[in-house]
Amino acid sequence: MSYFPIYLNLEGKEILIVGGGNIALEKLQKLLPFTKNITIIAKEVKYDIYILIKENCLTYYQRPYHEGDIDRFDIVVVATDDINLQKSIFLESRGKHILVNSVDNIKYCDFIFPSIIKRENLTITISTNGASPAFSKELRLFLENLLPSSIDDFLSKLKELRDKLPKGKERMQHFEKMVKSYFKENIKP
């Protein structure tokens, strides 16, 4: 099965992370550049997670997961290696329009986390459809090294121009010329 790549606007969406270990930390770090509407339920959290909770004013319930905890959430990340809990939460979510990711268990996932390159106006995602997260990570590191440091400034300039120039063929041609020139000058094969 292949996963459909989609960029989802998380504004107004409530996210629950169940778990407080290394995997929960990794998922939390991936989500924070996109939203702060995150709640964490875990008996304990790593110190790094605790710091992120405080710095970002996230909600944290220091307790085990209870059935029904998912009911007010749009997205749930089960970041624990407890297969029974993953299955239970996934089955509980059915029919409730809640998307679930059970870390390292595609069987109980509606979606998977890609490897992400995030700059201000640029987001690149890489996925192997769950075949090898390690491969996705290495490819991400490789691509990050190819991106010039000026890319954020260039994209901000394009965004500003896009708001100012009238739509149409001339604007499109102008942007294509600018982008080709940028690539020619800044990105070497």
N, C-alpha and C. Protein backbone atom coordinates (compact mmCIF):
# COMPACT_ATOMS: atom_id res chain seq x y z
N MET A 1 0.84 -1.18 0.00
CA MET A 1 0.00 0.00 0.00
C MET A 1 0.88 1.25 0.00
N SER A 2 0.48 2.23 -0.75
CA SER A 2 1.18 3.50 -0.77
C SER A 2 0.38 4.55 -0.03
N TYR A 3 1.08 5.47 0.61
CA TYR A 3 0.43 6.57 1.32
C TYR A 3 0.37 7.79 0.41
N PHE A 4 -0.75 8.47 0.41
CA PHE A 4 -0.94 9.67 -0.39
C PHE A 4 -0.26 10.84 0.32
N PRO A 5 0.67 11.51 -0.35
CA PRO A 5 1.33 12.66 0.29
C PRO A 5 0.38 13.85 0.33
N ILE A 6 0.27 14.45 1.49
CA ILE A 6 -0.66 15.57 1.65
C ILE A 6 -0.06 16.56 2.65
N TYR A 7 -0.26 17.83 2.38
CA TYR A 7 0.14 18.86 3.34
C TYR A 7 -1.14 19.34 4.01
N LEU A 8 -1.26 19.11 5.29
CA LEU A 8 -2.47 19.35 6.05
C LEU A 8 -2.32 20.61 6.89
N ASN A 9 -3.27 21.51 6.79
CA ASN A 9 -3.28 22.71 7.63
C ASN A 9 -3.73 22.28 9.03
N LEU A 10 -2.84 22.45 10.00
CA LEU A 10 -3.14 22.02 11.36
C LEU A 10 -3.79 23.10 12.22
N GLU A 11 -4.02 24.27 11.63
CA GLU A 11 -4.68 25.34 12.37
C GLU A 11 -6.07 24.89 12.82
N GLY A 12 -6.31 24.98 14.11
CA GLY A 12 -7.61 24.57 14.65
C GLY A 12 -7.73 23.08 14.90
N LYS A 13 -6.72 22.31 14.54
CA LYS A 13 -6.74 20.87 14.77
C LYS A 13 -6.10 20.58 16.13
N GLU A 14 -6.68 19.65 16.86
CA GLU A 14 -6.16 19.25 18.17
C GLU A 14 -5.43 17.93 18.02
N ILE A 15 -4.21 17.89 18.56
CA ILE A 15 -3.36 16.71 18.41
C ILE A 15 -3.05 16.13 19.79
N LEU A 16 -3.13 14.81 19.88
CA LEU A 16 -2.79 14.09 21.10
C LEU A 16 -1.60 13.19 20.83
N ILE A 17 -0.61 13.26 21.70
CA ILE A 17 0.51 12.31 21.68
C ILE A 17 0.39 11.47 22.94
N VAL A 18 0.33 10.16 22.76
CA VAL A 18 0.29 9.22 23.88
C VAL A 18 1.69 8.62 24.00
N GLY A 19 2.36 8.93 25.09
CA GLY A 19 3.71 8.44 25.32
C GLY A 19 4.64 9.59 25.63
N GLY A 20 5.75 9.27 26.30
CA GLY A 20 6.66 10.33 26.73
C GLY A 20 8.13 10.00 26.56
N GLY A 21 8.44 9.03 25.71
CA GLY A 21 9.84 8.62 25.52
C GLY A 21 10.48 9.25 24.29
N ASN A 22 11.52 8.60 23.81
CA ASN A 22 12.29 9.12 22.67
C ASN A 22 11.45 9.28 21.41
N ILE A 23 10.58 8.31 21.14
CA ILE A 23 9.76 8.39 19.93
C ILE A 23 8.75 9.54 20.06
N ALA A 24 8.18 9.71 21.21
CA ALA A 24 7.25 10.84 21.44
C ALA A 24 7.99 12.15 21.23
N LEU A 25 9.20 12.23 21.72
CA LEU A 25 10.01 13.45 21.53
C LEU A 25 10.23 13.72 20.05
N GLU A 26 10.58 12.71 19.30
CA GLU A 26 10.81 12.87 17.85
C GLU A 26 9.55 13.38 17.15
N LYS A 27 8.40 12.81 17.46
CA LYS A 27 7.15 13.22 16.82
C LYS A 27 6.77 14.64 17.25
N LEU A 28 6.97 14.95 18.52
CA LEU A 28 6.68 16.29 19.03
C LEU A 28 7.54 17.32 18.31
N GLN A 29 8.81 17.02 18.13
CA GLN A 29 9.70 17.95 17.44
C GLN A 29 9.29 18.15 15.99
N LYS A 30 8.74 17.13 15.34
CA LYS A 30 8.27 17.26 13.96
C LYS A 30 7.00 18.10 13.89
N LEU A 31 6.15 18.01 14.90
CA LEU A 31 4.87 18.73 14.88
C LEU A 31 4.98 20.20 15.29
N LEU A 32 5.88 20.52 16.21
CA LEU A 32 5.94 21.87 16.77
C LEU A 32 6.15 23.00 15.75
N PRO A 33 6.90 22.80 14.66
CA PRO A 33 7.00 23.91 13.69
C PRO A 33 5.68 24.22 12.98
N PHE A 34 4.69 23.34 13.13
CA PHE A 34 3.43 23.51 12.42
C PHE A 34 2.25 23.84 13.32
N THR A 35 2.32 23.49 14.61
CA THR A 35 1.22 23.75 15.53
C THR A 35 1.68 23.65 16.98
N LYS A 36 0.93 24.33 17.84
CA LYS A 36 1.15 24.23 19.29
C LYS A 36 -0.08 23.61 19.96
N ASN A 37 -1.08 23.20 19.17
CA ASN A 37 -2.30 22.58 19.70
C ASN A 37 -2.05 21.11 19.98
N ILE A 38 -1.15 20.86 20.93
CA ILE A 38 -0.71 19.50 21.21
C ILE A 38 -0.91 19.19 22.70
N THR A 39 -1.50 18.04 22.96
CA THR A 39 -1.66 17.53 24.32
C THR A 39 -0.87 16.23 24.41
N ILE A 40 -0.25 16.01 25.56
CA ILE A 40 0.52 14.79 25.78
C ILE A 40 -0.05 14.07 26.99
N ILE A 41 -0.26 12.78 26.83
CA ILE A 41 -0.67 11.92 27.93
C ILE A 41 0.40 10.85 28.09
N ALA A 42 1.02 10.82 29.27
CA ALA A 42 2.05 9.82 29.56
C ALA A 42 2.26 9.76 31.07
N LYS A 43 2.60 8.58 31.55
CA LYS A 43 2.91 8.44 32.98
C LYS A 43 4.13 9.28 33.34
N GLU A 44 5.09 9.30 32.43
CA GLU A 44 6.30 10.10 32.59
C GLU A 44 6.73 10.61 31.22
N VAL A 45 7.42 11.76 31.20
CA VAL A 45 7.99 12.26 29.96
C VAL A 45 9.48 12.50 30.16
N LYS A 46 10.22 12.33 29.08
CA LYS A 46 11.65 12.66 29.10
C LYS A 46 11.80 14.14 29.45
N TYR A 47 12.92 14.49 30.01
CA TYR A 47 13.19 15.87 30.39
C TYR A 47 13.07 16.80 29.18
N ASP A 48 13.56 16.37 28.01
CA ASP A 48 13.48 17.21 26.80
C ASP A 48 12.03 17.50 26.41
N ILE A 49 11.15 16.53 26.61
CA ILE A 49 9.73 16.74 26.33
C ILE A 49 9.16 17.73 27.33
N TYR A 50 9.52 17.55 28.59
CA TYR A 50 9.04 18.46 29.64
C TYR A 50 9.42 19.90 29.31
N ILE A 51 10.64 20.12 28.85
CA ILE A 51 11.09 21.46 28.48
C ILE A 51 10.25 22.00 27.32
N LEU A 52 10.00 21.17 26.30
CA LEU A 52 9.18 21.61 25.16
C LEU A 52 7.74 21.91 25.59
N ILE A 53 7.22 21.14 26.53
CA ILE A 53 5.87 21.40 27.06
C ILE A 53 5.84 22.79 27.69
N LYS A 54 6.82 23.10 28.52
CA LYS A 54 6.88 24.41 29.20
C LYS A 54 7.11 25.55 28.20
N GLU A 55 8.07 25.39 27.31
CA GLU A 55 8.41 26.46 26.35
C GLU A 55 7.27 26.78 25.39
N ASN A 56 6.44 25.79 25.07
CA ASN A 56 5.39 25.96 24.07
C ASN A 56 3.98 25.97 24.66
N CYS A 57 3.89 25.99 25.99
CA CYS A 57 2.59 26.01 26.70
C CYS A 57 1.67 24.88 26.24
N LEU A 58 2.22 23.68 26.16
CA LEU A 58 1.44 22.52 25.76
C LEU A 58 0.74 21.94 26.99
N THR A 59 -0.29 21.15 26.75
CA THR A 59 -1.02 20.49 27.83
C THR A 59 -0.42 19.12 28.07
N TYR A 60 -0.21 18.79 29.34
CA TYR A 60 0.36 17.49 29.70
C TYR A 60 -0.44 16.89 30.85
N TYR A 61 -0.92 15.66 30.63
CA TYR A 61 -1.58 14.90 31.67
C TYR A 61 -0.66 13.76 32.08
N GLN A 62 -0.17 13.80 33.32
CA GLN A 62 0.76 12.79 33.81
C GLN A 62 -0.05 11.62 34.36
N ARG A 63 -0.39 10.72 33.45
CA ARG A 63 -1.18 9.55 33.80
C ARG A 63 -1.21 8.60 32.60
N PRO A 64 -1.70 7.39 32.80
CA PRO A 64 -1.85 6.49 31.66
C PRO A 64 -3.02 6.93 30.78
N TYR A 65 -3.04 6.44 29.55
CA TYR A 65 -4.15 6.69 28.63
C TYR A 65 -5.40 5.97 29.14
N HIS A 66 -6.55 6.65 29.02
CA HIS A 66 -7.84 6.04 29.36
C HIS A 66 -8.74 6.06 28.12
N GLU A 67 -9.52 5.03 27.96
CA GLU A 67 -10.46 4.99 26.84
C GLU A 67 -11.32 6.26 26.85
N GLY A 68 -11.49 6.85 25.69
CA GLY A 68 -12.26 8.09 25.57
C GLY A 68 -11.39 9.33 25.52
N ASP A 69 -10.11 9.20 25.87
CA ASP A 69 -9.20 10.35 25.83
C ASP A 69 -9.07 10.94 24.43
N ILE A 70 -9.27 10.13 23.39
CA ILE A 70 -9.09 10.62 22.02
C ILE A 70 -10.27 11.43 21.51
N ASP A 71 -11.39 11.41 22.20
CA ASP A 71 -12.63 11.92 21.66
C ASP A 71 -12.62 13.39 21.21
N ARG A 72 -11.82 14.25 21.80
CA ARG A 72 -11.83 15.66 21.38
C ARG A 72 -10.69 16.01 20.42
N PHE A 73 -9.97 14.98 19.96
CA PHE A 73 -8.80 15.22 19.12
C PHE A 73 -9.07 14.87 17.66
N ASP A 74 -8.33 15.54 16.79
CA ASP A 74 -8.42 15.29 15.34
C ASP A 74 -7.36 14.29 14.89
N ILE A 75 -6.21 14.35 15.56
CA ILE A 75 -5.07 13.51 15.21
C ILE A 75 -4.48 12.93 16.50
N VAL A 76 -4.18 11.63 16.48
CA VAL A 76 -3.59 10.97 17.64
C VAL A 76 -2.32 10.25 17.20
N VAL A 77 -1.26 10.48 17.96
CA VAL A 77 0.01 9.80 17.73
C VAL A 77 0.27 8.89 18.93
N VAL A 78 0.27 7.59 18.69
CA VAL A 78 0.52 6.63 19.75
C VAL A 78 2.02 6.31 19.72
N ALA A 79 2.77 7.02 20.54
CA ALA A 79 4.23 6.93 20.55
C ALA A 79 4.70 6.05 21.69
N THR A 80 4.27 4.82 21.64
CA THR A 80 4.64 3.83 22.65
C THR A 80 4.83 2.50 21.94
N ASP A 81 5.62 1.62 22.52
CA ASP A 81 5.82 0.30 21.91
C ASP A 81 4.82 -0.73 22.43
N ASP A 82 3.80 -0.29 23.14
CA ASP A 82 2.75 -1.16 23.65
C ASP A 82 1.77 -1.46 22.51
N ILE A 83 1.95 -2.63 21.87
CA ILE A 83 1.14 -3.00 20.71
C ILE A 83 -0.34 -3.07 21.07
N ASN A 84 -0.68 -3.56 22.24
CA ASN A 84 -2.09 -3.65 22.65
C ASN A 84 -2.71 -2.26 22.76
N LEU A 85 -1.95 -1.30 23.28
CA LEU A 85 -2.46 0.07 23.38
C LEU A 85 -2.61 0.69 21.99
N GLN A 86 -1.65 0.44 21.11
CA GLN A 86 -1.74 0.93 19.74
C GLN A 86 -3.02 0.41 19.08
N LYS A 87 -3.23 -0.89 19.18
CA LYS A 87 -4.42 -1.51 18.58
C LYS A 87 -5.69 -0.96 19.20
N SER A 88 -5.72 -0.86 20.51
CA SER A 88 -6.90 -0.38 21.22
C SER A 88 -7.27 1.04 20.79
N ILE A 89 -6.29 1.93 20.75
CA ILE A 89 -6.56 3.32 20.36
C ILE A 89 -6.98 3.40 18.90
N PHE A 90 -6.32 2.63 18.04
CA PHE A 90 -6.68 2.62 16.63
C PHE A 90 -8.12 2.16 16.44
N LEU A 91 -8.51 1.06 17.08
CA LEU A 91 -9.88 0.55 16.96
C LEU A 91 -10.88 1.54 17.56
N GLU A 92 -10.51 2.18 18.66
CA GLU A 92 -11.39 3.17 19.29
C GLU A 92 -11.64 4.36 18.36
N SER A 93 -10.67 4.67 17.51
CA SER A 93 -10.78 5.84 16.62
C SER A 93 -11.68 5.58 15.41
N ARG A 94 -11.92 4.33 15.09
CA ARG A 94 -12.70 4.01 13.89
C ARG A 94 -14.09 4.61 14.00
N GLY A 95 -14.52 5.27 12.95
CA GLY A 95 -15.84 5.88 12.90
C GLY A 95 -15.92 7.23 13.59
N LYS A 96 -14.81 7.71 14.12
CA LYS A 96 -14.82 8.99 14.83
C LYS A 96 -14.12 10.10 14.06
N HIS A 97 -13.70 9.84 12.83
CA HIS A 97 -13.00 10.84 12.01
C HIS A 97 -11.73 11.35 12.69
N ILE A 98 -11.02 10.45 13.35
CA ILE A 98 -9.76 10.77 14.01
C ILE A 98 -8.65 10.02 13.27
N LEU A 99 -7.62 10.75 12.85
CA LEU A 99 -6.48 10.13 12.20
C LEU A 99 -5.50 9.65 13.26
N VAL A 100 -5.01 8.41 13.10
CA VAL A 100 -4.11 7.81 14.08
C VAL A 100 -2.81 7.38 13.42
N ASN A 101 -1.72 7.66 14.13
CA ASN A 101 -0.41 7.14 13.77
C ASN A 101 0.09 6.34 14.97
N SER A 102 0.31 5.05 14.76
CA SER A 102 0.93 4.21 15.78
C SER A 102 2.37 4.00 15.35
N VAL A 103 3.27 4.56 16.11
CA VAL A 103 4.68 4.60 15.73
C VAL A 103 5.23 3.19 15.52
N ASP A 104 5.89 3.01 14.39
CA ASP A 104 6.52 1.74 14.02
C ASP A 104 5.53 0.58 13.90
N ASN A 105 4.27 0.88 13.59
CA ASN A 105 3.29 -0.18 13.42
C ASN A 105 2.28 0.26 12.36
N ILE A 106 2.62 0.06 11.10
CA ILE A 106 1.79 0.51 9.99
C ILE A 106 0.38 -0.09 10.05
N LYS A 107 0.26 -1.24 10.64
CA LYS A 107 -1.03 -1.92 10.75
C LYS A 107 -2.07 -1.03 11.44
N TYR A 108 -1.62 -0.19 12.37
CA TYR A 108 -2.55 0.66 13.14
C TYR A 108 -2.32 2.14 12.83
N CYS A 109 -2.12 2.43 11.56
CA CYS A 109 -1.88 3.81 11.12
C CYS A 109 -2.83 4.23 10.01
N ASP A 110 -3.33 5.46 10.13
CA ASP A 110 -4.02 6.10 9.02
C ASP A 110 -3.03 6.91 8.20
N PHE A 111 -1.94 7.30 8.83
CA PHE A 111 -0.91 8.09 8.16
C PHE A 111 0.43 7.76 8.79
N ILE A 112 1.48 8.11 8.07
CA ILE A 112 2.83 7.94 8.60
C ILE A 112 3.53 9.29 8.55
N PHE A 113 4.53 9.45 9.39
CA PHE A 113 5.33 10.67 9.40
C PHE A 113 6.44 10.55 8.37
N PRO A 114 6.54 11.50 7.47
CA PRO A 114 7.67 11.48 6.55
C PRO A 114 8.89 12.08 7.24
N SER A 115 10.02 11.95 6.60
CA SER A 115 11.19 12.69 7.02
C SER A 115 11.00 14.11 6.49
N ILE A 116 11.27 15.12 7.30
CA ILE A 116 10.89 16.50 6.95
C ILE A 116 12.09 17.43 6.93
N ILE A 117 12.15 18.21 5.86
CA ILE A 117 13.07 19.35 5.80
C ILE A 117 12.17 20.58 5.89
N LYS A 118 12.35 21.39 6.92
CA LYS A 118 11.50 22.56 7.12
C LYS A 118 12.35 23.81 7.22
N ARG A 119 12.12 24.68 6.28
CA ARG A 119 12.68 26.02 6.32
C ARG A 119 11.46 26.94 6.38
N GLU A 120 11.66 28.23 6.48
CA GLU A 120 10.52 29.13 6.67
C GLU A 120 9.40 28.90 5.65
N ASN A 121 9.67 29.07 4.38
CA ASN A 121 8.64 28.91 3.34
C ASN A 121 8.82 27.65 2.52
N LEU A 122 9.66 26.75 2.97
CA LEU A 122 9.93 25.53 2.22
C LEU A 122 9.74 24.33 3.13
N THR A 123 8.96 23.38 2.66
CA THR A 123 8.81 22.11 3.35
C THR A 123 8.98 21.01 2.32
N ILE A 124 9.92 20.13 2.58
CA ILE A 124 10.16 18.98 1.72
C ILE A 124 9.97 17.74 2.58
N THR A 125 9.20 16.79 2.07
CA THR A 125 9.00 15.55 2.81
C THR A 125 9.48 14.36 1.99
N ILE A 126 9.94 13.34 2.70
CA ILE A 126 10.48 12.14 2.06
C ILE A 126 9.86 10.94 2.75
N SER A 127 9.40 9.99 1.96
CA SER A 127 8.81 8.80 2.54
C SER A 127 9.18 7.58 1.72
N THR A 128 9.34 6.46 2.39
CA THR A 128 9.53 5.17 1.73
C THR A 128 8.30 4.29 1.97
N ASN A 129 7.16 4.92 2.29
CA ASN A 129 5.92 4.20 2.62
C ASN A 129 6.12 3.22 3.78
N GLY A 130 7.00 3.61 4.69
CA GLY A 130 7.24 2.79 5.87
C GLY A 130 8.27 1.69 5.67
N ALA A 131 8.81 1.55 4.45
CA ALA A 131 9.78 0.49 4.18
C ALA A 131 11.08 0.69 4.95
N SER A 132 11.54 1.96 5.02
CA SER A 132 12.80 2.21 5.72
C SER A 132 12.90 3.66 6.18
N PRO A 133 12.44 3.96 7.39
CA PRO A 133 12.61 5.31 7.94
C PRO A 133 14.08 5.74 7.96
N ALA A 134 15.00 4.79 8.14
CA ALA A 134 16.43 5.13 8.15
C ALA A 134 16.86 5.67 6.79
N PHE A 135 16.36 5.08 5.72
CA PHE A 135 16.68 5.57 4.37
C PHE A 135 16.14 6.98 4.18
N SER A 136 14.90 7.22 4.60
CA SER A 136 14.30 8.56 4.49
C SER A 136 15.13 9.59 5.23
N LYS A 137 15.60 9.22 6.42
CA LYS A 137 16.40 10.14 7.22
C LYS A 137 17.71 10.48 6.52
N GLU A 138 18.40 9.49 5.99
CA GLU A 138 19.68 9.74 5.31
C GLU A 138 19.49 10.58 4.05
N LEU A 139 18.42 10.31 3.31
CA LEU A 139 18.14 11.11 2.11
C LEU A 139 17.83 12.55 2.51
N ARG A 140 17.11 12.74 3.62
CA ARG A 140 16.83 14.09 4.12
C ARG A 140 18.12 14.83 4.44
N LEU A 141 19.02 14.18 5.14
CA LEU A 141 20.30 14.80 5.48
C LEU A 141 21.10 15.16 4.23
N PHE A 142 21.08 14.28 3.24
CA PHE A 142 21.76 14.54 1.98
C PHE A 142 21.17 15.78 1.29
N LEU A 143 19.85 15.84 1.19
CA LEU A 143 19.19 16.96 0.52
C LEU A 143 19.37 18.27 1.28
N GLU A 144 19.33 18.21 2.61
CA GLU A 144 19.55 19.42 3.41
C GLU A 144 20.90 20.05 3.10
N ASN A 145 21.89 19.24 2.88
CA ASN A 145 23.22 19.75 2.58
C ASN A 145 23.31 20.37 1.19
N LEU A 146 22.38 20.03 0.31
CA LEU A 146 22.37 20.61 -1.03
C LEU A 146 21.70 21.99 -1.07
N LEU A 147 20.85 22.26 -0.09
CA LEU A 147 20.08 23.51 -0.11
C LEU A 147 20.96 24.69 0.30
N PRO A 148 20.97 25.74 -0.50
CA PRO A 148 21.76 26.92 -0.14
C PRO A 148 21.12 27.66 1.04
N SER A 149 21.96 28.33 1.82
CA SER A 149 21.46 29.06 2.99
C SER A 149 20.58 30.24 2.58
N SER A 150 20.70 30.70 1.36
CA SER A 150 19.93 31.86 0.89
C SER A 150 18.50 31.50 0.46
N ILE A 151 18.15 30.23 0.52
CA ILE A 151 16.86 29.81 -0.01
C ILE A 151 15.67 30.45 0.71
N ASP A 152 15.78 30.64 2.02
CA ASP A 152 14.68 31.27 2.77
C ASP A 152 14.46 32.71 2.31
N ASP A 153 15.54 33.46 2.14
CA ASP A 153 15.43 34.84 1.66
C ASP A 153 14.84 34.89 0.26
N PHE A 154 15.28 33.99 -0.60
CA PHE A 154 14.77 33.97 -1.97
C PHE A 154 13.27 33.66 -2.00
N LEU A 155 12.84 32.67 -1.22
CA LEU A 155 11.42 32.33 -1.19
C LEU A 155 10.57 33.45 -0.58
N SER A 156 11.10 34.15 0.40
CA SER A 156 10.38 35.30 0.98
C SER A 156 10.20 36.39 -0.08
N LYS A 157 11.24 36.60 -0.86
CA LYS A 157 11.18 37.60 -1.95
C LYS A 157 10.12 37.19 -2.98
N LEU A 158 10.09 35.92 -3.35
CA LEU A 158 9.09 35.44 -4.30
C LEU A 158 7.67 35.59 -3.74
N LYS A 159 7.52 35.29 -2.47
CA LYS A 159 6.20 35.41 -1.82
C LYS A 159 5.73 36.86 -1.84
N GLU A 160 6.64 37.78 -1.53
CA GLU A 160 6.32 39.21 -1.54
C GLU A 160 5.93 39.67 -2.95
N LEU A 161 6.70 39.25 -3.95
CA LEU A 161 6.39 39.61 -5.34
C LEU A 161 5.06 39.02 -5.79
N ARG A 162 4.80 37.82 -5.36
CA ARG A 162 3.56 37.14 -5.76
C ARG A 162 2.33 37.92 -5.29
N ASP A 163 2.45 38.54 -4.13
CA ASP A 163 1.35 39.34 -3.60
C ASP A 163 1.20 40.67 -4.33
N LYS A 164 2.29 41.16 -4.93
CA LYS A 164 2.28 42.48 -5.57
C LYS A 164 1.97 42.43 -7.06
N LEU A 165 2.50 41.44 -7.75
CA LEU A 165 2.33 41.38 -9.20
C LEU A 165 0.97 40.80 -9.58
N PRO A 166 0.34 41.36 -10.62
CA PRO A 166 -0.96 40.81 -11.04
C PRO A 166 -0.80 39.41 -11.63
N LYS A 167 -1.80 38.59 -11.39
CA LYS A 167 -1.79 37.23 -11.91
C LYS A 167 -1.78 37.27 -13.43
N GLY A 168 -1.27 36.21 -14.01
CA GLY A 168 -1.28 36.10 -15.46
C GLY A 168 0.00 35.50 -16.00
N LYS A 169 0.05 35.42 -17.31
CA LYS A 169 1.16 34.77 -18.00
C LYS A 169 2.48 35.49 -17.76
N GLU A 170 2.45 36.83 -17.76
CA GLU A 170 3.69 37.61 -17.55
C GLU A 170 4.28 37.33 -16.17
N ARG A 171 3.44 37.29 -15.14
CA ARG A 171 3.92 37.01 -13.79
C ARG A 171 4.54 35.62 -13.73
N MET A 172 3.87 34.66 -14.34
CA MET A 172 4.35 33.29 -14.34
C MET A 172 5.71 33.19 -15.04
N GLN A 173 5.85 33.86 -16.16
CA GLN A 173 7.12 33.83 -16.89
C GLN A 173 8.22 34.53 -16.08
N HIS A 174 7.87 35.62 -15.43
CA HIS A 174 8.83 36.35 -14.60
C HIS A 174 9.36 35.44 -13.48
N PHE A 175 8.45 34.72 -12.82
CA PHE A 175 8.86 33.82 -11.74
C PHE A 175 9.71 32.66 -12.26
N GLU A 176 9.32 32.10 -13.38
CA GLU A 176 10.10 31.00 -13.95
C GLU A 176 11.52 31.45 -14.26
N LYS A 177 11.67 32.64 -14.78
CA LYS A 177 12.99 33.19 -15.09
C LYS A 177 13.81 33.39 -13.80
N MET A 178 13.18 33.96 -12.78
CA MET A 178 13.87 34.18 -11.51
C MET A 178 14.32 32.86 -10.88
N VAL A 179 13.44 31.88 -10.90
CA VAL A 179 13.74 30.60 -10.27
C VAL A 179 14.85 29.88 -11.03
N LYS A 180 14.78 29.86 -12.35
CA LYS A 180 15.84 29.23 -13.13
C LYS A 180 17.18 29.90 -12.87
N SER A 181 17.18 31.20 -12.79
CA SER A 181 18.41 31.95 -12.52
C SER A 181 18.95 31.60 -11.13
N TYR A 182 18.05 31.52 -10.15
CA TYR A 182 18.46 31.17 -8.78
C TYR A 182 19.11 29.80 -8.74
N PHE A 183 18.47 28.82 -9.39
CA PHE A 183 19.01 27.47 -9.41
C PHE A 183 20.37 27.45 -10.11
N LYS A 184 20.47 28.14 -11.21
CA LYS A 184 21.73 28.17 -11.96
C LYS A 184 22.87 28.74 -11.13
N GLU A 185 22.57 29.77 -10.34
CA GLU A 185 23.61 30.44 -9.54
C GLU A 185 23.89 29.79 -8.19
N ASN A 186 22.90 29.09 -7.63
CA ASN A 186 23.01 28.63 -6.24
C ASN A 186 23.01 27.12 -6.02
N ILE A 187 22.52 26.38 -6.96
CA ILE A 187 22.41 24.94 -6.74
C ILE A 187 23.22 24.22 -7.81
N LYS A 188 24.31 23.65 -7.35
CA LYS A 188 25.24 22.96 -8.26
C LYS A 188 25.01 21.45 -8.17
N PRO A 189 24.89 20.80 -9.33
CA PRO A 189 24.72 19.33 -9.32
C PRO A 189 25.96 18.61 -8.85
